[in-house]
Amino acid sequence: MMDINYLKTKIRDIPDFPKKGVVFKDITTLLKDPVALNLAIREMKYRCLGYKIDLIVGIESRGFILGGILAHGLGVGFVPVRKKGKLPAEVIRAAYQLEYGNDHIEMHEDGIVRGQNVLIIDDLLATGGTAAASTKLVESLGGNVVGLGFLIELLFLQGRKKLAGYEVFSLIQYDKE
């Protein structure tokens, strides 16, 4: 069984980032530690084994890191979801709300083939806006969202409510700021 407390020690809190009142969970300190990174990826991979997955969709930007490693480990493809204006080919777009503002995400129109089973990966589940927008993108292209996985979940923001009806897992939960 994974030692959650060990992984929590590898996550740095950055107060008032990106704006006053927000405590940012910085995983770069976990990513640079090979033991912590391998432990986190191993546990995320273990949690993915129950899903039939054709593709992993990783949400910008830390979802690229975790999702790319998982896609490689599971032998499936990887598709990025990016912020507006970052993808070079034809895209579809969805709006979403963050805990500290609004934004848009995009995916290439040819990123998903109708009927593919997709697991969405990101580093953090906060309010659920980005993840919910990502599910809309996948489904608008005919993909089947089989689940969503996160390294961290901020329980006090209740992001799972926006993902009702989907399978969701997270490794590390925080129940208060």
C-alpha atoms as a PDB file:
ATOM      1  CA  MET A   1       0.000   0.000   0.000  1.00  0.00           C
ATOM      2  CA  MET A   2       1.177   3.448  -0.877  1.00  0.00           C
ATOM      3  CA  ASP A   3       2.385   5.815   1.848  1.00  0.00           C
ATOM      4  CA  ILE A   4       0.228   8.906   1.292  1.00  0.00           C
ATOM      5  CA  ASN A   5       2.004  10.822   4.040  1.00  0.00           C
ATOM      6  CA  TYR A   6       5.344  10.321   2.268  1.00  0.00           C
ATOM      7  CA  LEU A   7       3.927  11.710  -0.975  1.00  0.00           C
ATOM      8  CA  LYS A   8       2.340  14.627   0.893  1.00  0.00           C
ATOM      9  CA  THR A   9       5.780  15.583   2.244  1.00  0.00           C
ATOM     10  CA  LYS A  10       6.951  15.949  -1.357  1.00  0.00           C
ATOM     11  CA  ILE A  11       4.258  18.502  -2.256  1.00  0.00           C
ATOM     12  CA  ARG A  12       5.050  22.130  -1.558  1.00  0.00           C
ATOM     13  CA  ASP A  13       2.380  24.687  -0.610  1.00  0.00           C
ATOM     14  CA  ILE A  14       2.702  28.100  -2.275  1.00  0.00           C
ATOM     15  CA  PRO A  15       0.410  30.596  -0.520  1.00  0.00           C
ATOM     16  CA  ASP A  16      -1.325  33.333  -2.512  1.00  0.00           C
ATOM     17  CA  PHE A  17      -0.547  31.827  -5.919  1.00  0.00           C
ATOM     18  CA  PRO A  18      -1.817  32.494  -8.551  1.00  0.00           C
ATOM     19  CA  LYS A  19      -3.832  35.020  -6.545  1.00  0.00           C
ATOM     20  CA  LYS A  20      -4.329  36.045  -2.937  1.00  0.00           C
ATOM     21  CA  GLY A  21      -6.160  33.455  -0.855  1.00  0.00           C
ATOM     22  CA  VAL A  22      -5.263  30.455  -3.037  1.00  0.00           C
ATOM     23  CA  VAL A  23      -2.816  27.872  -1.687  1.00  0.00           C
ATOM     24  CA  PHE A  24      -1.159  26.299  -4.734  1.00  0.00           C
ATOM     25  CA  LYS A  25      -0.137  22.633  -4.430  1.00  0.00           C
ATOM     26  CA  ASP A  26       3.241  22.546  -6.214  1.00  0.00           C
ATOM     27  CA  ILE A  27       4.112  19.036  -7.399  1.00  0.00           C
ATOM     28  CA  THR A  28       7.456  19.970  -8.972  1.00  0.00           C
ATOM     29  CA  THR A  29       9.066  18.927  -5.687  1.00  0.00           C
ATOM     30  CA  LEU A  30       7.446  15.483  -6.030  1.00  0.00           C
ATOM     31  CA  LEU A  31       8.358  15.200  -9.719  1.00  0.00           C
ATOM     32  CA  LYS A  32      12.075  15.785  -9.083  1.00  0.00           C
ATOM     33  CA  ASP A  33      12.222  13.044  -6.433  1.00  0.00           C
ATOM     34  CA  PRO A  34      12.629   9.711  -8.265  1.00  0.00           C
ATOM     35  CA  VAL A  35      11.280   7.627  -5.366  1.00  0.00           C
ATOM     36  CA  ALA A  36       8.175   9.800  -4.936  1.00  0.00           C
ATOM     37  CA  LEU A  37       7.546  10.063  -8.683  1.00  0.00           C
ATOM     38  CA  ASN A  38       7.879   6.317  -9.195  1.00  0.00           C
ATOM     39  CA  LEU A  39       5.644   5.607  -6.214  1.00  0.00           C
ATOM     40  CA  ALA A  40       2.949   7.999  -7.449  1.00  0.00           C
ATOM     41  CA  ILE A  41       3.063   6.671 -11.023  1.00  0.00           C
ATOM     42  CA  ARG A  42       3.030   3.057  -9.852  1.00  0.00           C
ATOM     43  CA  GLU A  43      -0.078   3.693  -7.750  1.00  0.00           C
ATOM     44  CA  MET A  44      -1.825   5.642 -10.518  1.00  0.00           C
ATOM     45  CA  LYS A  45      -1.022   2.851 -12.986  1.00  0.00           C
ATOM     46  CA  TYR A  46      -2.379   0.272 -10.539  1.00  0.00           C
ATOM     47  CA  ARG A  47      -5.628   2.240 -10.279  1.00  0.00           C
ATOM     48  CA  CYS A  48      -5.893   2.344 -14.092  1.00  0.00           C
ATOM     49  CA  LEU A  49      -5.691  -1.427 -14.528  1.00  0.00           C
ATOM     50  CA  GLY A  50      -9.452  -1.907 -14.099  1.00  0.00           C
ATOM     51  CA  TYR A  51     -10.235   0.297 -17.084  1.00  0.00           C
ATOM     52  CA  LYS A  52     -10.246  -0.637 -20.769  1.00  0.00           C
ATOM     53  CA  ILE A  53      -8.240   2.297 -22.135  1.00  0.00           C
ATOM     54  CA  ASP A  54      -7.344   3.201 -25.708  1.00  0.00           C
ATOM     55  CA  LEU A  55      -6.050   6.701 -24.960  1.00  0.00           C
ATOM     56  CA  ILE A  56      -5.060   8.902 -22.088  1.00  0.00           C
ATOM     57  CA  VAL A  57      -6.010  12.555 -22.331  1.00  0.00           C
ATOM     58  CA  GLY A  58      -3.682  14.744 -20.278  1.00  0.00           C
ATOM     59  CA  ILE A  59      -4.738  18.205 -19.182  1.00  0.00           C
ATOM     60  CA  GLU A  60      -2.198  21.032 -19.504  1.00  0.00           C
ATOM     61  CA  SER A  61       0.309  21.179 -18.101  1.00  0.00           C
ATOM     62  CA  ARG A  62       1.154  18.781 -15.293  1.00  0.00           C
ATOM     63  CA  GLY A  63      -1.407  16.338 -16.674  1.00  0.00           C
ATOM     64  CA  PHE A  64       0.979  16.036 -19.651  1.00  0.00           C
ATOM     65  CA  ILE A  65       3.718  14.737 -17.389  1.00  0.00           C
ATOM     66  CA  LEU A  66       1.622  12.255 -15.422  1.00  0.00           C
ATOM     67  CA  GLY A  67      -0.555  11.276 -18.373  1.00  0.00           C
ATOM     68  CA  GLY A  68       2.416  10.780 -20.700  1.00  0.00           C
ATOM     69  CA  ILE A  69       4.187   8.507 -18.249  1.00  0.00           C
ATOM     70  CA  LEU A  70       0.980   6.536 -17.629  1.00  0.00           C
ATOM     71  CA  ALA A  71       0.228   6.204 -21.350  1.00  0.00           C
ATOM     72  CA  HIS A  72       3.714   4.804 -21.898  1.00  0.00           C
ATOM     73  CA  GLY A  73       3.387   2.409 -18.966  1.00  0.00           C
ATOM     74  CA  LEU A  74      -0.032   1.183 -20.085  1.00  0.00           C
ATOM     75  CA  GLY A  75       0.904   0.943 -23.775  1.00  0.00           C
ATOM     76  CA  VAL A  76      -1.779   3.371 -24.967  1.00  0.00           C
ATOM     77  CA  GLY A  77      -1.785   6.635 -26.870  1.00  0.00           C
ATOM     78  CA  PHE A  78      -1.722  10.137 -25.402  1.00  0.00           C
ATOM     79  CA  VAL A  79      -3.721  13.229 -26.427  1.00  0.00           C
ATOM     80  CA  PRO A  80      -3.100  16.689 -24.930  1.00  0.00           C
ATOM     81  CA  VAL A  81      -5.787  19.117 -23.834  1.00  0.00           C
ATOM     82  CA  ARG A  82      -4.293  22.602 -23.990  1.00  0.00           C
ATOM     83  CA  LYS A  83      -5.114  26.165 -23.163  1.00  0.00           C
ATOM     84  CA  LYS A  84      -6.610  28.294 -25.923  1.00  0.00           C
ATOM     85  CA  GLY A  85      -4.333  29.013 -28.890  1.00  0.00           C
ATOM     86  CA  LYS A  86      -1.603  26.431 -28.184  1.00  0.00           C
ATOM     87  CA  LEU A  87      -2.510  23.659 -30.658  1.00  0.00           C
ATOM     88  CA  PRO A  88      -1.504  23.997 -34.329  1.00  0.00           C
ATOM     89  CA  ALA A  89      -4.250  22.044 -36.159  1.00  0.00           C
ATOM     90  CA  GLU A  90      -8.062  22.369 -36.172  1.00  0.00           C
ATOM     91  CA  VAL A  91      -9.449  22.300 -32.639  1.00  0.00           C
ATOM     92  CA  ILE A  92     -12.618  22.029 -30.618  1.00  0.00           C
ATOM     93  CA  ARG A  93     -12.957  24.290 -27.571  1.00  0.00           C
ATOM     94  CA  ALA A  94     -14.725  24.251 -24.188  1.00  0.00           C
ATOM     95  CA  ALA A  95     -15.034  26.993 -21.560  1.00  0.00           C
ATOM     96  CA  TYR A  96     -14.622  26.308 -17.850  1.00  0.00           C
ATOM     97  CA  GLN A  97     -14.310  28.041 -14.497  1.00  0.00           C
ATOM     98  CA  LEU A  98     -11.310  27.803 -12.203  1.00  0.00           C
ATOM     99  CA  GLU A  99     -11.339  28.488  -8.479  1.00  0.00           C
ATOM    100  CA  TYR A 100      -9.719  31.812  -9.415  1.00  0.00           C
ATOM    101  CA  GLY A 101     -11.153  32.750 -12.845  1.00  0.00           C
ATOM    102  CA  ASN A 102     -12.373  31.570 -16.275  1.00  0.00           C
ATOM    103  CA  ASP A 103     -10.562  30.055 -19.244  1.00  0.00           C
ATOM    104  CA  HIS A 104     -10.875  27.832 -22.334  1.00  0.00           C
ATOM    105  CA  ILE A 105      -9.280  24.528 -23.269  1.00  0.00           C
ATOM    106  CA  GLU A 106      -8.841  22.943 -26.666  1.00  0.00           C
ATOM    107  CA  MET A 107      -8.206  19.565 -28.236  1.00  0.00           C
ATOM    108  CA  HIS A 108      -7.376  18.659 -31.817  1.00  0.00           C
ATOM    109  CA  GLU A 109     -10.479  17.649 -33.776  1.00  0.00           C
ATOM    110  CA  ASP A 110      -8.724  14.441 -34.808  1.00  0.00           C
ATOM    111  CA  GLY A 111      -7.484  13.630 -31.294  1.00  0.00           C
ATOM    112  CA  ILE A 112     -10.140  11.000 -30.602  1.00  0.00           C
ATOM    113  CA  VAL A 113     -11.682   8.398 -32.871  1.00  0.00           C
ATOM    114  CA  ARG A 114     -15.375   7.714 -32.230  1.00  0.00           C
ATOM    115  CA  GLY A 115     -15.755   4.816 -29.793  1.00  0.00           C
ATOM    116  CA  GLN A 116     -12.302   5.039 -28.207  1.00  0.00           C
ATOM    117  CA  ASN A 117     -12.125   4.557 -24.440  1.00  0.00           C
ATOM    118  CA  VAL A 118     -10.432   7.519 -22.799  1.00  0.00           C
ATOM    119  CA  LEU A 119      -9.001   8.039 -19.325  1.00  0.00           C
ATOM    120  CA  ILE A 120      -8.496  11.709 -18.421  1.00  0.00           C
ATOM    121  CA  ILE A 121      -5.470  12.494 -16.213  1.00  0.00           C
ATOM    122  CA  ASP A 122      -4.459  15.660 -14.397  1.00  0.00           C
ATOM    123  CA  ASP A 123      -2.406  16.529 -11.354  1.00  0.00           C
ATOM    124  CA  LEU A 124      -5.171  18.244  -9.381  1.00  0.00           C
ATOM    125  CA  LEU A 125      -8.923  18.081  -8.948  1.00  0.00           C
ATOM    126  CA  ALA A 126     -10.068  21.377  -7.436  1.00  0.00           C
ATOM    127  CA  THR A 127     -13.437  22.792  -8.524  1.00  0.00           C
ATOM    128  CA  GLY A 128     -13.763  20.243 -11.352  1.00  0.00           C
ATOM    129  CA  GLY A 129     -14.209  22.832 -14.096  1.00  0.00           C
ATOM    130  CA  THR A 130     -11.223  21.864 -16.226  1.00  0.00           C
ATOM    131  CA  ALA A 131     -11.924  18.147 -15.872  1.00  0.00           C
ATOM    132  CA  ALA A 132     -15.629  18.579 -16.719  1.00  0.00           C
ATOM    133  CA  ALA A 133     -14.728  20.655 -19.795  1.00  0.00           C
ATOM    134  CA  SER A 134     -12.274  17.928 -20.840  1.00  0.00           C
ATOM    135  CA  THR A 135     -15.008  15.276 -20.612  1.00  0.00           C
ATOM    136  CA  LYS A 136     -17.162  17.436 -22.901  1.00  0.00           C
ATOM    137  CA  LEU A 137     -14.359  17.675 -25.450  1.00  0.00           C
ATOM    138  CA  VAL A 138     -13.766  13.911 -25.446  1.00  0.00           C
ATOM    139  CA  GLU A 139     -17.461  13.109 -25.703  1.00  0.00           C
ATOM    140  CA  SER A 140     -18.085  15.687 -28.442  1.00  0.00           C
ATOM    141  CA  LEU A 141     -15.611  13.736 -30.574  1.00  0.00           C
ATOM    142  CA  GLY A 142     -17.379  10.445 -29.824  1.00  0.00           C
ATOM    143  CA  GLY A 143     -14.970   9.207 -27.166  1.00  0.00           C
ATOM    144  CA  ASN A 144     -16.092   7.237 -24.141  1.00  0.00           C
ATOM    145  CA  VAL A 145     -14.758   8.680 -20.868  1.00  0.00           C
ATOM    146  CA  VAL A 146     -14.054   5.584 -18.773  1.00  0.00           C
ATOM    147  CA  GLY A 147     -12.686   7.573 -15.846  1.00  0.00           C
ATOM    148  CA  LEU A 148     -10.677  10.483 -14.537  1.00  0.00           C
ATOM    149  CA  GLY A 149      -7.546  10.224 -12.408  1.00  0.00           C
ATOM    150  CA  PHE A 150      -5.762  12.824 -10.308  1.00  0.00           C
ATOM    151  CA  LEU A 151      -2.643  12.900  -8.177  1.00  0.00           C
ATOM    152  CA  ILE A 152      -4.271  15.381  -5.745  1.00  0.00           C
ATOM    153  CA  GLU A 153      -7.861  16.203  -4.839  1.00  0.00           C
ATOM    154  CA  LEU A 154      -8.915  19.251  -2.837  1.00  0.00           C
ATOM    155  CA  LEU A 155     -12.014  17.775  -1.180  1.00  0.00           C
ATOM    156  CA  PHE A 156     -13.162  21.091   0.282  1.00  0.00           C
ATOM    157  CA  LEU A 157     -13.756  22.481  -3.233  1.00  0.00           C
ATOM    158  CA  GLN A 158     -16.101  19.575  -4.091  1.00  0.00           C
ATOM    159  CA  GLY A 159     -14.894  19.132  -7.666  1.00  0.00           C
ATOM    160  CA  ARG A 160     -16.353  15.619  -7.856  1.00  0.00           C
ATOM    161  CA  LYS A 161     -19.824  17.137  -7.970  1.00  0.00           C
ATOM    162  CA  LYS A 162     -19.094  18.424 -11.483  1.00  0.00           C
ATOM    163  CA  LEU A 163     -17.944  14.911 -12.434  1.00  0.00           C
ATOM    164  CA  ALA A 164     -21.026  13.075 -11.155  1.00  0.00           C
ATOM    165  CA  GLY A 165     -21.643   9.962 -13.224  1.00  0.00           C
ATOM    166  CA  TYR A 166     -17.954   9.370 -13.976  1.00  0.00           C
ATOM    167  CA  GLU A 167     -15.466   7.077 -12.263  1.00  0.00           C
ATOM    168  CA  VAL A 168     -12.952   9.290 -10.432  1.00  0.00           C
ATOM    169  CA  PHE A 169      -9.833   8.417  -8.463  1.00  0.00           C
ATOM    170  CA  SER A 170      -7.249  10.506  -6.654  1.00  0.00           C
ATOM    171  CA  LEU A 171      -4.179   9.450  -4.709  1.00  0.00           C
ATOM    172  CA  ILE A 172      -3.829  12.308  -2.241  1.00  0.00           C
ATOM    173  CA  GLN A 173      -6.725  14.194  -0.696  1.00  0.00           C
ATOM    174  CA  TYR A 174      -6.722  17.408   1.297  1.00  0.00           C
ATOM    175  CA  ASP A 175      -9.890  18.155   3.250  1.00  0.00           C
ATOM    176  CA  LYS A 176      -9.034  21.787   4.058  1.00  0.00           C
ATOM    177  CA  GLU A 177      -6.676  24.507   2.867  1.00  0.00           C
END
